[in-house]
């Protein structure tokens, strides 16, 4: 339960801060800026890795938990509890933001700026890159260390910086599910559930081959 609670709290903080920055930027006519939003995502991930990494591994992302399980570096019996905790934390964050910002229509939901296929492929590549870095730095339930937080947070911020305007740079099904459901904009949600899972899982055999 300590692990599940850590994942619940971590995903709540991630979605609250990340999508909260998007909402604030929209409602203040760009006061936060796209760079500020990207930094918020990256710095939040970095802070969470250092704070709960030694408790739950700080997955805060169903796609990451699934990929760790496929890689044999995470116990299968823990996977359902992790995914439920992550999605529950994200949903609570979006509901809280709805109370704070009732005028927000999207609540930071991820939507394709171009075609659905463009966003699908981008999300797949982004999560592949992210998981490739994670696998080489982290250890399932031990995602911690001096380098891991900085490197993984930097990857999240970098990918949000260059790909956010095109596809939303979700890289995380829980991050996309919550604002989509609470705001009612679920028409493109399948992209941000399927693509990140495929991307993270695709990184596993590449990592195994390089490490062998």
N, C-alpha and C. Protein backbone atom coordinates (compact mmCIF):
# COMPACT_ATOMS: atom_id res chain seq x y z
N UNK A 1 0.82 -1.20 0.00
CA UNK A 1 0.00 0.00 0.00
C UNK A 1 0.86 1.27 0.00
N UNK A 2 2.04 1.20 0.60
CA UNK A 2 2.92 2.36 0.57
C UNK A 2 3.30 2.71 -0.87
N UNK A 3 3.58 1.68 -1.66
CA UNK A 3 3.93 1.91 -3.06
C UNK A 3 2.75 2.51 -3.83
N UNK A 4 1.56 1.94 -3.62
CA UNK A 4 0.38 2.43 -4.32
C UNK A 4 0.07 3.87 -3.92
N UNK A 5 0.20 4.18 -2.63
CA UNK A 5 -0.07 5.54 -2.18
C UNK A 5 0.94 6.52 -2.76
N UNK A 6 2.21 6.09 -2.83
CA UNK A 6 3.24 6.95 -3.41
C UNK A 6 2.94 7.24 -4.88
N UNK A 7 2.50 6.22 -5.62
CA UNK A 7 2.15 6.42 -7.03
C UNK A 7 0.93 7.32 -7.18
N UNK A 8 -0.04 7.15 -6.28
CA UNK A 8 -1.24 8.00 -6.30
C UNK A 8 -0.86 9.45 -6.07
N UNK A 9 -0.07 9.71 -5.03
CA UNK A 9 0.32 11.08 -4.71
C UNK A 9 1.22 11.66 -5.81
N UNK A 10 2.17 10.85 -6.28
CA UNK A 10 3.08 11.33 -7.31
C UNK A 10 2.38 11.71 -8.60
N UNK A 11 1.43 10.87 -9.04
CA UNK A 11 0.71 11.18 -10.27
C UNK A 11 -0.22 12.37 -10.08
N UNK A 12 -0.79 12.49 -8.88
CA UNK A 12 -1.61 13.68 -8.57
C UNK A 12 -0.76 14.94 -8.73
N UNK A 13 0.41 14.95 -8.11
CA UNK A 13 1.28 16.13 -8.18
C UNK A 13 1.69 16.42 -9.62
N UNK A 14 2.05 15.37 -10.37
CA UNK A 14 2.47 15.55 -11.76
C UNK A 14 1.39 16.21 -12.60
N UNK A 15 0.17 15.66 -12.54
CA UNK A 15 -0.93 16.19 -13.35
C UNK A 15 -1.38 17.55 -12.83
N UNK A 16 -1.40 17.72 -11.53
CA UNK A 16 -1.83 19.01 -10.96
C UNK A 16 -0.88 20.11 -11.40
N UNK A 17 0.42 19.89 -11.29
CA UNK A 17 1.39 20.92 -11.65
C UNK A 17 1.48 21.10 -13.16
N UNK A 18 1.57 19.99 -13.90
CA UNK A 18 1.76 20.07 -15.34
C UNK A 18 0.57 20.66 -16.08
N UNK A 19 -0.60 20.07 -15.87
CA UNK A 19 -1.78 20.61 -16.55
C UNK A 19 -2.20 21.94 -15.92
N UNK A 20 -1.89 22.11 -14.64
CA UNK A 20 -2.16 23.40 -14.00
C UNK A 20 -1.38 24.52 -14.65
N UNK A 21 -0.14 24.24 -15.04
CA UNK A 21 0.68 25.24 -15.74
C UNK A 21 0.08 25.58 -17.10
N UNK A 22 -0.45 24.55 -17.79
CA UNK A 22 -1.08 24.78 -19.10
C UNK A 22 -2.31 25.66 -18.94
N UNK A 23 -3.15 25.35 -17.95
CA UNK A 23 -4.37 26.13 -17.72
C UNK A 23 -4.03 27.57 -17.36
N UNK A 24 -3.05 27.74 -16.47
CA UNK A 24 -2.65 29.09 -16.06
C UNK A 24 -2.12 29.88 -17.24
N UNK A 25 -1.34 29.23 -18.09
CA UNK A 25 -0.80 29.91 -19.27
C UNK A 25 -1.91 30.37 -20.19
N UNK A 26 -2.93 29.53 -20.36
CA UNK A 26 -4.05 29.89 -21.23
C UNK A 26 -4.88 31.02 -20.65
N UNK A 27 -5.06 31.02 -19.36
CA UNK A 27 -5.94 32.02 -18.74
C UNK A 27 -5.23 33.33 -18.43
N UNK A 28 -3.91 33.34 -18.56
CA UNK A 28 -3.16 34.59 -18.33
C UNK A 28 -2.52 35.09 -19.62
N UNK A 29 -3.04 34.61 -20.75
CA UNK A 29 -2.56 35.04 -22.06
C UNK A 29 -1.05 34.83 -22.25
N UNK A 30 -0.58 33.67 -21.84
CA UNK A 30 0.81 33.29 -22.10
C UNK A 30 1.81 33.73 -21.06
N UNK A 31 1.37 34.03 -19.84
CA UNK A 31 2.31 34.47 -18.79
C UNK A 31 3.30 33.38 -18.43
N UNK A 32 2.89 32.13 -18.46
CA UNK A 32 3.79 31.03 -18.14
C UNK A 32 4.69 30.72 -19.31
N UNK A 33 4.17 30.75 -20.52
CA UNK A 33 4.85 30.48 -21.79
C UNK A 33 5.00 28.98 -22.02
N UNK A 34 5.22 28.62 -23.28
CA UNK A 34 5.39 27.21 -23.62
C UNK A 34 6.65 26.65 -22.96
N UNK A 35 7.70 27.46 -22.92
CA UNK A 35 8.94 27.02 -22.26
C UNK A 35 8.69 26.77 -20.78
N UNK A 36 7.92 27.65 -20.15
CA UNK A 36 7.60 27.50 -18.73
C UNK A 36 6.80 26.24 -18.46
N UNK A 37 5.86 25.93 -19.34
CA UNK A 37 5.06 24.71 -19.19
C UNK A 37 5.96 23.48 -19.31
N UNK A 38 6.85 23.49 -20.30
CA UNK A 38 7.76 22.36 -20.50
C UNK A 38 8.67 22.16 -19.29
N UNK A 39 9.18 23.26 -18.75
CA UNK A 39 10.02 23.19 -17.57
C UNK A 39 9.25 22.66 -16.37
N UNK A 40 7.98 23.03 -16.27
CA UNK A 40 7.16 22.54 -15.17
C UNK A 40 7.06 21.03 -15.19
N UNK A 41 6.78 20.46 -16.37
CA UNK A 41 6.71 19.00 -16.49
C UNK A 41 8.03 18.35 -16.11
N UNK A 42 9.12 18.85 -16.67
CA UNK A 42 10.43 18.24 -16.43
C UNK A 42 10.87 18.36 -14.98
N UNK A 43 10.71 19.53 -14.39
CA UNK A 43 11.13 19.75 -13.01
C UNK A 43 10.27 18.97 -12.03
N UNK A 44 8.98 18.84 -12.33
CA UNK A 44 8.09 18.06 -11.46
C UNK A 44 8.50 16.60 -11.46
N UNK A 45 8.77 16.05 -12.65
CA UNK A 45 9.22 14.65 -12.74
C UNK A 45 10.52 14.47 -11.96
N UNK A 46 11.46 15.39 -12.13
CA UNK A 46 12.74 15.30 -11.43
C UNK A 46 12.55 15.32 -9.91
N UNK A 47 11.74 16.23 -9.43
CA UNK A 47 11.51 16.34 -7.99
C UNK A 47 10.84 15.08 -7.44
N UNK A 48 9.90 14.53 -8.20
CA UNK A 48 9.19 13.33 -7.74
C UNK A 48 10.11 12.11 -7.69
N UNK A 49 11.01 12.00 -8.65
CA UNK A 49 11.95 10.86 -8.65
C UNK A 49 12.79 10.88 -7.39
N UNK A 50 13.24 12.07 -7.00
CA UNK A 50 14.07 12.16 -5.80
C UNK A 50 13.26 11.99 -4.51
N UNK A 51 11.96 12.26 -4.58
CA UNK A 51 11.15 12.19 -3.36
C UNK A 51 10.49 10.84 -3.12
N UNK A 52 10.00 10.18 -4.18
CA UNK A 52 9.32 8.89 -3.98
C UNK A 52 9.97 7.76 -4.76
N UNK A 53 11.10 8.03 -5.40
CA UNK A 53 11.78 6.99 -6.17
C UNK A 53 12.17 5.78 -5.35
N UNK A 54 12.57 6.01 -4.10
CA UNK A 54 12.99 4.89 -3.25
C UNK A 54 11.82 4.18 -2.59
N UNK A 55 10.60 4.67 -2.82
CA UNK A 55 9.40 4.03 -2.26
C UNK A 55 8.71 3.17 -3.30
N UNK A 56 8.37 3.78 -4.42
CA UNK A 56 7.61 3.06 -5.45
C UNK A 56 8.33 2.95 -6.79
N UNK A 57 9.46 3.63 -6.93
CA UNK A 57 10.13 3.68 -8.22
C UNK A 57 9.72 4.90 -9.02
N UNK A 58 8.72 5.63 -8.53
CA UNK A 58 8.22 6.84 -9.20
C UNK A 58 7.93 6.59 -10.68
N UNK A 59 7.10 5.59 -10.95
CA UNK A 59 6.68 5.36 -12.33
C UNK A 59 5.76 6.49 -12.79
N UNK A 60 4.76 6.81 -11.97
CA UNK A 60 3.75 7.85 -12.23
C UNK A 60 3.26 7.83 -13.68
N UNK A 61 3.24 6.66 -14.29
CA UNK A 61 2.92 6.53 -15.70
C UNK A 61 2.60 5.06 -15.99
N UNK A 62 1.36 4.73 -16.35
CA UNK A 62 1.01 3.34 -16.64
C UNK A 62 1.88 2.70 -17.71
N UNK A 63 2.25 3.47 -18.73
CA UNK A 63 3.07 2.92 -19.81
C UNK A 63 4.45 2.50 -19.31
N UNK A 64 5.01 3.27 -18.39
CA UNK A 64 6.30 2.93 -17.81
C UNK A 64 6.20 1.66 -16.97
N UNK A 65 5.13 1.56 -16.18
CA UNK A 65 4.93 0.36 -15.36
C UNK A 65 4.78 -0.89 -16.23
N UNK A 66 4.04 -0.76 -17.32
CA UNK A 66 3.85 -1.89 -18.24
C UNK A 66 5.17 -2.29 -18.86
N UNK A 67 5.97 -1.32 -19.30
CA UNK A 67 7.25 -1.63 -19.93
C UNK A 67 8.22 -2.28 -18.95
N UNK A 68 8.25 -1.80 -17.72
CA UNK A 68 9.11 -2.42 -16.70
C UNK A 68 8.70 -3.88 -16.47
N UNK A 69 7.39 -4.14 -16.50
CA UNK A 69 6.90 -5.51 -16.33
C UNK A 69 7.33 -6.38 -17.49
N UNK A 70 7.19 -5.86 -18.72
CA UNK A 70 7.62 -6.61 -19.91
C UNK A 70 9.12 -6.88 -19.86
N UNK A 71 9.87 -5.94 -19.33
CA UNK A 71 11.33 -6.09 -19.25
C UNK A 71 11.75 -7.04 -18.14
N UNK A 72 10.81 -7.48 -17.33
CA UNK A 72 11.13 -8.38 -16.23
C UNK A 72 11.75 -7.69 -15.05
N UNK A 73 11.56 -6.37 -14.96
CA UNK A 73 12.16 -5.60 -13.87
C UNK A 73 11.12 -5.06 -12.91
N UNK A 74 9.90 -5.61 -13.00
CA UNK A 74 8.82 -5.17 -12.11
C UNK A 74 7.87 -6.34 -11.92
N UNK A 75 7.40 -6.55 -10.69
CA UNK A 75 6.54 -7.68 -10.38
C UNK A 75 5.16 -7.53 -11.01
N UNK A 76 4.74 -8.54 -11.74
CA UNK A 76 3.45 -8.50 -12.45
C UNK A 76 2.28 -8.29 -11.49
N UNK A 77 2.38 -8.88 -10.31
CA UNK A 77 1.26 -8.77 -9.36
C UNK A 77 1.04 -7.33 -8.87
N UNK A 78 2.05 -6.48 -9.00
CA UNK A 78 1.91 -5.09 -8.57
C UNK A 78 1.34 -4.19 -9.67
N UNK A 79 1.37 -4.67 -10.91
CA UNK A 79 1.00 -3.82 -12.04
C UNK A 79 -0.43 -3.27 -11.97
N UNK A 80 -1.46 -4.10 -11.72
CA UNK A 80 -2.83 -3.55 -11.65
C UNK A 80 -2.97 -2.44 -10.60
N UNK A 81 -2.38 -2.66 -9.43
CA UNK A 81 -2.46 -1.66 -8.37
C UNK A 81 -1.77 -0.37 -8.74
N UNK A 82 -0.65 -0.47 -9.44
CA UNK A 82 0.07 0.73 -9.87
C UNK A 82 -0.77 1.53 -10.87
N UNK A 83 -1.34 0.83 -11.86
CA UNK A 83 -2.12 1.53 -12.88
C UNK A 83 -3.35 2.20 -12.28
N UNK A 84 -4.04 1.48 -11.39
CA UNK A 84 -5.22 2.05 -10.73
C UNK A 84 -4.83 3.27 -9.91
N UNK A 85 -3.75 3.18 -9.16
CA UNK A 85 -3.30 4.30 -8.33
C UNK A 85 -2.93 5.51 -9.18
N UNK A 86 -2.24 5.27 -10.28
CA UNK A 86 -1.81 6.37 -11.15
C UNK A 86 -3.01 7.09 -11.78
N UNK A 87 -3.96 6.32 -12.30
CA UNK A 87 -5.13 6.93 -12.93
C UNK A 87 -6.00 7.63 -11.90
N UNK A 88 -6.13 7.05 -10.72
CA UNK A 88 -6.92 7.67 -9.66
C UNK A 88 -6.30 8.99 -9.22
N UNK A 89 -4.98 9.02 -9.07
CA UNK A 89 -4.31 10.25 -8.70
C UNK A 89 -4.47 11.33 -9.75
N UNK A 90 -4.37 10.93 -11.01
CA UNK A 90 -4.53 11.89 -12.11
C UNK A 90 -5.95 12.44 -12.16
N UNK A 91 -6.94 11.56 -11.98
CA UNK A 91 -8.34 12.01 -11.99
C UNK A 91 -8.62 12.99 -10.87
N UNK A 92 -8.10 12.72 -9.68
CA UNK A 92 -8.30 13.64 -8.56
C UNK A 92 -7.66 14.98 -8.84
N UNK A 93 -6.50 14.97 -9.49
CA UNK A 93 -5.82 16.22 -9.83
C UNK A 93 -6.66 17.05 -10.80
N UNK A 94 -7.21 16.40 -11.82
CA UNK A 94 -8.03 17.13 -12.80
C UNK A 94 -9.33 17.63 -12.18
N UNK A 95 -9.91 16.86 -11.28
CA UNK A 95 -11.12 17.31 -10.59
C UNK A 95 -10.81 18.52 -9.70
N UNK A 96 -9.67 18.50 -9.05
CA UNK A 96 -9.25 19.62 -8.21
C UNK A 96 -9.03 20.87 -9.05
N UNK A 97 -8.37 20.71 -10.20
CA UNK A 97 -8.14 21.84 -11.09
C UNK A 97 -9.44 22.40 -11.64
N UNK A 98 -10.43 21.52 -11.84
CA UNK A 98 -11.74 21.98 -12.31
C UNK A 98 -12.39 22.89 -11.28
N UNK A 99 -12.18 22.60 -10.00
CA UNK A 99 -12.70 23.45 -8.93
C UNK A 99 -11.99 24.80 -8.91
N UNK A 100 -10.68 24.78 -9.14
CA UNK A 100 -9.90 26.02 -9.12
C UNK A 100 -10.11 26.86 -10.38
N UNK A 101 -10.29 26.19 -11.52
CA UNK A 101 -10.41 26.88 -12.80
C UNK A 101 -11.67 26.41 -13.53
N UNK A 102 -12.86 26.75 -13.03
CA UNK A 102 -14.11 26.26 -13.65
C UNK A 102 -14.32 26.74 -15.07
N UNK A 103 -13.64 27.83 -15.46
CA UNK A 103 -13.81 28.37 -16.81
C UNK A 103 -12.96 27.62 -17.84
N UNK A 104 -12.05 26.80 -17.39
CA UNK A 104 -11.19 26.07 -18.32
C UNK A 104 -11.99 25.00 -19.06
N UNK A 105 -11.92 25.02 -20.36
CA UNK A 105 -12.69 24.09 -21.18
C UNK A 105 -11.97 22.75 -21.33
N UNK A 106 -10.66 22.79 -21.50
CA UNK A 106 -9.90 21.57 -21.78
C UNK A 106 -9.19 20.99 -20.57
N UNK A 107 -8.92 21.81 -19.56
CA UNK A 107 -8.20 21.37 -18.36
C UNK A 107 -6.83 20.78 -18.69
N UNK A 108 -6.22 21.28 -19.74
CA UNK A 108 -4.89 20.79 -20.11
C UNK A 108 -4.89 19.48 -20.87
N UNK A 109 -6.03 19.11 -21.46
CA UNK A 109 -6.12 17.85 -22.20
C UNK A 109 -5.20 17.88 -23.41
N UNK A 110 -4.68 16.72 -23.79
CA UNK A 110 -3.82 16.62 -24.96
C UNK A 110 -4.66 16.37 -26.21
N UNK A 111 -4.45 17.21 -27.21
CA UNK A 111 -5.19 17.11 -28.47
C UNK A 111 -4.22 17.28 -29.63
N UNK A 112 -4.44 16.57 -30.73
CA UNK A 112 -3.54 16.70 -31.89
C UNK A 112 -3.70 18.06 -32.55
N UNK A 113 -2.59 18.69 -32.88
CA UNK A 113 -2.64 19.95 -33.63
C UNK A 113 -2.77 19.67 -35.11
N UNK A 114 -2.24 18.51 -35.55
CA UNK A 114 -2.34 18.11 -36.95
C UNK A 114 -3.23 16.90 -37.09
N UNK A 115 -2.77 15.91 -37.83
CA UNK A 115 -3.57 14.70 -38.02
C UNK A 115 -3.40 13.76 -36.83
N UNK A 116 -4.35 12.84 -36.68
CA UNK A 116 -4.26 11.87 -35.61
C UNK A 116 -3.05 10.96 -35.79
N UNK A 117 -2.75 10.57 -37.02
CA UNK A 117 -1.62 9.70 -37.27
C UNK A 117 -0.30 10.38 -36.92
N UNK A 118 -0.20 11.66 -37.22
CA UNK A 118 1.01 12.41 -36.88
C UNK A 118 1.24 12.39 -35.37
N UNK A 119 0.19 12.66 -34.61
CA UNK A 119 0.31 12.67 -33.15
C UNK A 119 0.56 11.27 -32.61
N UNK A 120 -0.07 10.27 -33.22
CA UNK A 120 0.13 8.88 -32.79
C UNK A 120 1.60 8.47 -32.93
N UNK A 121 2.17 8.77 -34.09
CA UNK A 121 3.57 8.40 -34.33
C UNK A 121 4.52 9.19 -33.44
N UNK A 122 4.22 10.48 -33.27
CA UNK A 122 5.06 11.30 -32.41
C UNK A 122 5.05 10.81 -30.98
N UNK A 123 3.86 10.50 -30.47
CA UNK A 123 3.75 10.00 -29.09
C UNK A 123 4.50 8.68 -28.93
N UNK A 124 4.43 7.85 -29.95
CA UNK A 124 5.15 6.58 -29.90
C UNK A 124 6.66 6.78 -29.83
N UNK A 125 7.18 7.67 -30.67
CA UNK A 125 8.61 7.95 -30.67
C UNK A 125 9.05 8.62 -29.36
N UNK A 126 8.26 9.56 -28.89
CA UNK A 126 8.61 10.26 -27.65
C UNK A 126 8.71 9.31 -26.47
N UNK A 127 7.73 8.42 -26.35
CA UNK A 127 7.75 7.49 -25.22
C UNK A 127 8.84 6.42 -25.40
N UNK A 128 9.17 6.09 -26.63
CA UNK A 128 10.30 5.19 -26.88
C UNK A 128 11.59 5.81 -26.34
N UNK A 129 11.84 7.08 -26.70
CA UNK A 129 13.04 7.76 -26.24
C UNK A 129 13.06 7.84 -24.71
N UNK A 130 11.91 8.21 -24.13
CA UNK A 130 11.82 8.35 -22.68
C UNK A 130 12.11 7.03 -21.98
N UNK A 131 11.48 5.95 -22.44
CA UNK A 131 11.67 4.65 -21.79
C UNK A 131 13.08 4.13 -21.99
N UNK A 132 13.67 4.43 -23.12
CA UNK A 132 15.05 4.00 -23.36
C UNK A 132 15.99 4.61 -22.32
N UNK A 133 15.78 5.88 -22.03
CA UNK A 133 16.59 6.55 -21.00
C UNK A 133 16.30 5.96 -19.62
N UNK A 134 15.02 5.78 -19.32
CA UNK A 134 14.63 5.25 -18.01
C UNK A 134 15.24 3.87 -17.77
N UNK A 135 15.14 2.99 -18.76
CA UNK A 135 15.65 1.63 -18.61
C UNK A 135 17.16 1.60 -18.34
N UNK A 136 17.86 2.54 -18.89
CA UNK A 136 19.31 2.57 -18.71
C UNK A 136 19.75 3.26 -17.41
N UNK A 137 18.79 3.90 -16.72
CA UNK A 137 19.14 4.63 -15.51
C UNK A 137 18.45 4.11 -14.26
N UNK A 138 17.27 3.51 -14.43
CA UNK A 138 16.45 3.15 -13.29
C UNK A 138 16.32 1.64 -13.17
N UNK A 139 15.74 1.20 -12.07
CA UNK A 139 15.67 -0.23 -11.78
C UNK A 139 14.30 -0.64 -11.25
N UNK A 140 13.27 -0.43 -12.02
CA UNK A 140 11.93 -0.90 -11.65
C UNK A 140 11.35 -0.18 -10.46
N UNK A 141 11.56 -0.70 -9.27
CA UNK A 141 11.04 -0.06 -8.06
C UNK A 141 12.13 0.75 -7.37
N UNK A 142 13.24 0.98 -8.05
CA UNK A 142 14.35 1.73 -7.47
C UNK A 142 14.78 2.87 -8.39
N UNK A 143 13.81 3.62 -8.85
CA UNK A 143 14.11 4.71 -9.79
C UNK A 143 14.61 5.91 -8.99
N UNK A 144 15.89 5.91 -8.70
CA UNK A 144 16.48 6.94 -7.87
C UNK A 144 17.94 7.10 -8.22
N UNK A 145 18.61 8.00 -7.56
CA UNK A 145 20.02 8.22 -7.81
C UNK A 145 20.29 9.63 -8.25
N UNK A 146 21.55 10.01 -8.21
CA UNK A 146 21.93 11.39 -8.53
C UNK A 146 21.69 11.73 -9.99
N UNK A 147 21.86 10.74 -10.87
CA UNK A 147 21.75 11.01 -12.30
C UNK A 147 20.33 10.82 -12.81
N UNK A 148 19.63 9.81 -12.30
CA UNK A 148 18.32 9.44 -12.86
C UNK A 148 17.34 10.60 -12.88
N UNK A 149 17.18 11.29 -11.77
CA UNK A 149 16.19 12.37 -11.70
C UNK A 149 16.47 13.47 -12.68
N UNK A 150 17.72 13.89 -12.77
CA UNK A 150 18.09 14.97 -13.68
C UNK A 150 17.91 14.55 -15.13
N UNK A 151 18.39 13.37 -15.47
CA UNK A 151 18.33 12.92 -16.87
C UNK A 151 16.90 12.68 -17.33
N UNK A 152 16.11 11.97 -16.52
CA UNK A 152 14.73 11.66 -16.91
C UNK A 152 13.89 12.92 -16.94
N UNK A 153 14.05 13.79 -15.95
CA UNK A 153 13.33 15.06 -15.95
C UNK A 153 13.69 15.91 -17.15
N UNK A 154 14.97 15.89 -17.52
CA UNK A 154 15.42 16.67 -18.69
C UNK A 154 14.80 16.15 -19.97
N UNK A 155 14.70 14.82 -20.11
CA UNK A 155 14.10 14.23 -21.30
C UNK A 155 12.63 14.63 -21.41
N UNK A 156 11.91 14.56 -20.30
CA UNK A 156 10.49 14.94 -20.30
C UNK A 156 10.34 16.41 -20.70
N UNK A 157 11.15 17.28 -20.11
CA UNK A 157 11.08 18.70 -20.44
C UNK A 157 11.45 18.99 -21.87
N UNK A 158 12.50 18.32 -22.35
CA UNK A 158 12.95 18.52 -23.73
C UNK A 158 11.89 18.09 -24.73
N UNK A 159 11.31 16.91 -24.51
CA UNK A 159 10.31 16.41 -25.45
C UNK A 159 9.05 17.26 -25.41
N UNK A 160 8.67 17.74 -24.23
CA UNK A 160 7.52 18.64 -24.15
C UNK A 160 7.81 19.95 -24.86
N UNK A 161 9.07 20.38 -24.81
CA UNK A 161 9.45 21.65 -25.41
C UNK A 161 9.31 21.64 -26.92
N UNK A 162 9.78 20.55 -27.57
CA UNK A 162 9.76 20.57 -29.03
C UNK A 162 8.53 19.90 -29.65
N UNK A 163 7.88 19.00 -28.91
CA UNK A 163 6.75 18.27 -29.49
C UNK A 163 5.40 18.68 -28.91
N UNK A 164 5.41 19.40 -27.81
CA UNK A 164 4.16 19.79 -27.17
C UNK A 164 3.18 20.52 -28.09
N UNK A 165 3.64 21.51 -28.86
CA UNK A 165 2.70 22.23 -29.73
C UNK A 165 2.07 21.37 -30.82
N UNK A 166 2.71 20.25 -31.18
CA UNK A 166 2.19 19.40 -32.25
C UNK A 166 1.24 18.33 -31.75
N UNK A 167 1.67 17.58 -30.73
CA UNK A 167 0.86 16.44 -30.29
C UNK A 167 0.47 16.50 -28.82
N UNK A 168 1.00 17.46 -28.08
CA UNK A 168 0.72 17.54 -26.66
C UNK A 168 1.81 16.94 -25.80
N UNK A 169 2.64 16.06 -26.40
CA UNK A 169 3.75 15.41 -25.69
C UNK A 169 3.30 14.83 -24.36
N UNK A 170 2.27 14.00 -24.42
CA UNK A 170 1.75 13.40 -23.20
C UNK A 170 2.72 12.37 -22.63
N UNK A 171 3.04 11.35 -23.40
CA UNK A 171 3.95 10.28 -23.00
C UNK A 171 3.43 9.52 -21.78
N UNK A 172 2.18 9.72 -21.44
CA UNK A 172 1.66 9.17 -20.18
C UNK A 172 0.14 9.02 -20.28
N UNK A 173 -0.37 7.79 -20.38
CA UNK A 173 -1.83 7.61 -20.48
C UNK A 173 -2.61 8.24 -19.33
N UNK A 174 -2.12 8.13 -18.10
CA UNK A 174 -2.85 8.70 -16.96
C UNK A 174 -2.95 10.21 -17.08
N UNK A 175 -1.87 10.86 -17.55
CA UNK A 175 -1.86 12.31 -17.71
C UNK A 175 -2.90 12.77 -18.72
N UNK A 176 -3.17 11.93 -19.74
CA UNK A 176 -4.14 12.30 -20.77
C UNK A 176 -5.56 11.87 -20.43
N UNK A 177 -5.69 10.71 -19.77
CA UNK A 177 -7.01 10.19 -19.43
C UNK A 177 -7.77 11.15 -18.52
N UNK A 178 -7.10 11.65 -17.49
CA UNK A 178 -7.77 12.45 -16.47
C UNK A 178 -8.40 13.74 -17.02
N UNK A 179 -7.62 14.64 -17.64
CA UNK A 179 -8.26 15.86 -18.14
C UNK A 179 -9.27 15.61 -19.26
N UNK A 180 -9.04 14.54 -20.05
CA UNK A 180 -9.98 14.23 -21.13
C UNK A 180 -11.34 13.84 -20.56
N UNK A 181 -11.34 13.00 -19.53
CA UNK A 181 -12.60 12.55 -18.94
C UNK A 181 -13.29 13.68 -18.18
N UNK A 182 -12.55 14.41 -17.37
CA UNK A 182 -13.16 15.46 -16.56
C UNK A 182 -13.66 16.62 -17.43
N UNK A 183 -12.96 16.91 -18.54
CA UNK A 183 -13.40 18.00 -19.42
C UNK A 183 -14.39 17.53 -20.48
N UNK A 184 -14.48 16.20 -20.68
CA UNK A 184 -15.40 15.66 -21.67
C UNK A 184 -14.87 15.62 -23.08
N UNK A 185 -13.56 15.84 -23.25
CA UNK A 185 -12.95 15.83 -24.59
C UNK A 185 -12.17 14.52 -24.77
N UNK A 186 -12.90 13.47 -25.08
CA UNK A 186 -12.29 12.14 -25.16
C UNK A 186 -12.14 11.63 -26.59
N UNK A 187 -12.42 12.46 -27.58
CA UNK A 187 -12.46 11.99 -28.96
C UNK A 187 -11.11 11.51 -29.47
N UNK A 188 -10.01 12.05 -28.95
CA UNK A 188 -8.68 11.63 -29.42
C UNK A 188 -7.92 10.85 -28.35
N UNK A 189 -8.60 10.44 -27.31
CA UNK A 189 -7.92 9.83 -26.16
C UNK A 189 -7.19 8.54 -26.52
N UNK A 190 -7.73 7.79 -27.49
CA UNK A 190 -7.10 6.52 -27.86
C UNK A 190 -5.65 6.68 -28.27
N UNK A 191 -5.32 7.82 -28.88
CA UNK A 191 -3.94 8.08 -29.29
C UNK A 191 -3.01 8.06 -28.09
N UNK A 192 -3.45 8.72 -27.03
CA UNK A 192 -2.59 8.95 -25.87
C UNK A 192 -2.62 7.79 -24.87
N UNK A 193 -3.39 6.77 -25.20
CA UNK A 193 -3.36 5.53 -24.41
C UNK A 193 -2.52 4.48 -25.13
N UNK A 194 -2.81 4.28 -26.41
CA UNK A 194 -2.15 3.21 -27.16
C UNK A 194 -0.71 3.55 -27.53
N UNK A 195 -0.48 4.75 -28.07
CA UNK A 195 0.86 5.12 -28.55
C UNK A 195 1.92 5.09 -27.45
N UNK A 196 1.67 5.66 -26.27
CA UNK A 196 2.70 5.60 -25.22
C UNK A 196 3.03 4.18 -24.77
N UNK A 197 2.02 3.32 -24.69
CA UNK A 197 2.27 1.93 -24.30
C UNK A 197 3.13 1.23 -25.35
N UNK A 198 2.77 1.40 -26.62
CA UNK A 198 3.56 0.78 -27.69
C UNK A 198 4.99 1.32 -27.70
N UNK A 199 5.13 2.62 -27.48
CA UNK A 199 6.45 3.23 -27.50
C UNK A 199 7.35 2.73 -26.38
N UNK A 200 6.80 2.65 -25.17
CA UNK A 200 7.62 2.19 -24.04
C UNK A 200 7.98 0.71 -24.18
N UNK A 201 7.01 -0.10 -24.61
CA UNK A 201 7.27 -1.54 -24.77
C UNK A 201 8.29 -1.78 -25.88
N UNK A 202 8.24 -0.98 -26.95
CA UNK A 202 9.20 -1.13 -28.05
C UNK A 202 10.63 -0.83 -27.61
N UNK A 203 10.79 -0.03 -26.56
CA UNK A 203 12.13 0.30 -26.08
C UNK A 203 12.79 -0.88 -25.36
N UNK A 204 11.97 -1.81 -24.87
CA UNK A 204 12.50 -2.93 -24.07
C UNK A 204 13.44 -3.84 -24.85
N UNK A 205 13.04 -4.38 -26.03
CA UNK A 205 13.97 -5.25 -26.76
C UNK A 205 15.23 -4.53 -27.23
N UNK A 206 15.11 -3.25 -27.54
CA UNK A 206 16.30 -2.49 -27.95
C UNK A 206 17.26 -2.36 -26.79
N UNK A 207 16.73 -2.04 -25.63
CA UNK A 207 17.56 -1.95 -24.42
C UNK A 207 18.21 -3.29 -24.09
N UNK A 208 17.45 -4.35 -24.18
CA UNK A 208 18.00 -5.69 -23.87
C UNK A 208 19.11 -6.06 -24.83
N UNK A 209 18.94 -5.74 -26.10
CA UNK A 209 19.97 -6.07 -27.09
C UNK A 209 21.25 -5.28 -26.83
N UNK A 210 21.12 -4.00 -26.54
CA UNK A 210 22.30 -3.18 -26.29
C UNK A 210 23.00 -3.58 -25.01
N UNK A 211 22.24 -3.93 -24.00
CA UNK A 211 22.83 -4.33 -22.71
C UNK A 211 23.45 -5.72 -22.76
N UNK A 212 23.00 -6.55 -23.69
CA UNK A 212 23.54 -7.91 -23.77
C UNK A 212 24.97 -7.91 -24.33
